[in-house]
Amino acid sequence: MPLTLKSKQQRPINDSSELKNYLDGTYTQAAQYDAPPGYPVNQICDAIDKASKTTTDTLSRIVG
């Protein structure tokens, strides 16, 4: 079953390599443009850190 992320991703992700590529691009862009007001690196790290405490759906926490 394809995975469609809960973010701006519109095209379904069909395998693990597509998911890896999507997350790699997301993390790269976050690191490149890590600035106020959002500080996306902090947001990503906070979401991952909190994931195990609040849900078993870690993927949703990572991608928003």
Foldseek 3Di string as FASTA:
>chain_A
DFDAAPPPGDDTHDDDVSVVVVLVVVQVVLVVPQDPDPSVVVQQVVLQVCDVVPHPPSRNSNRD
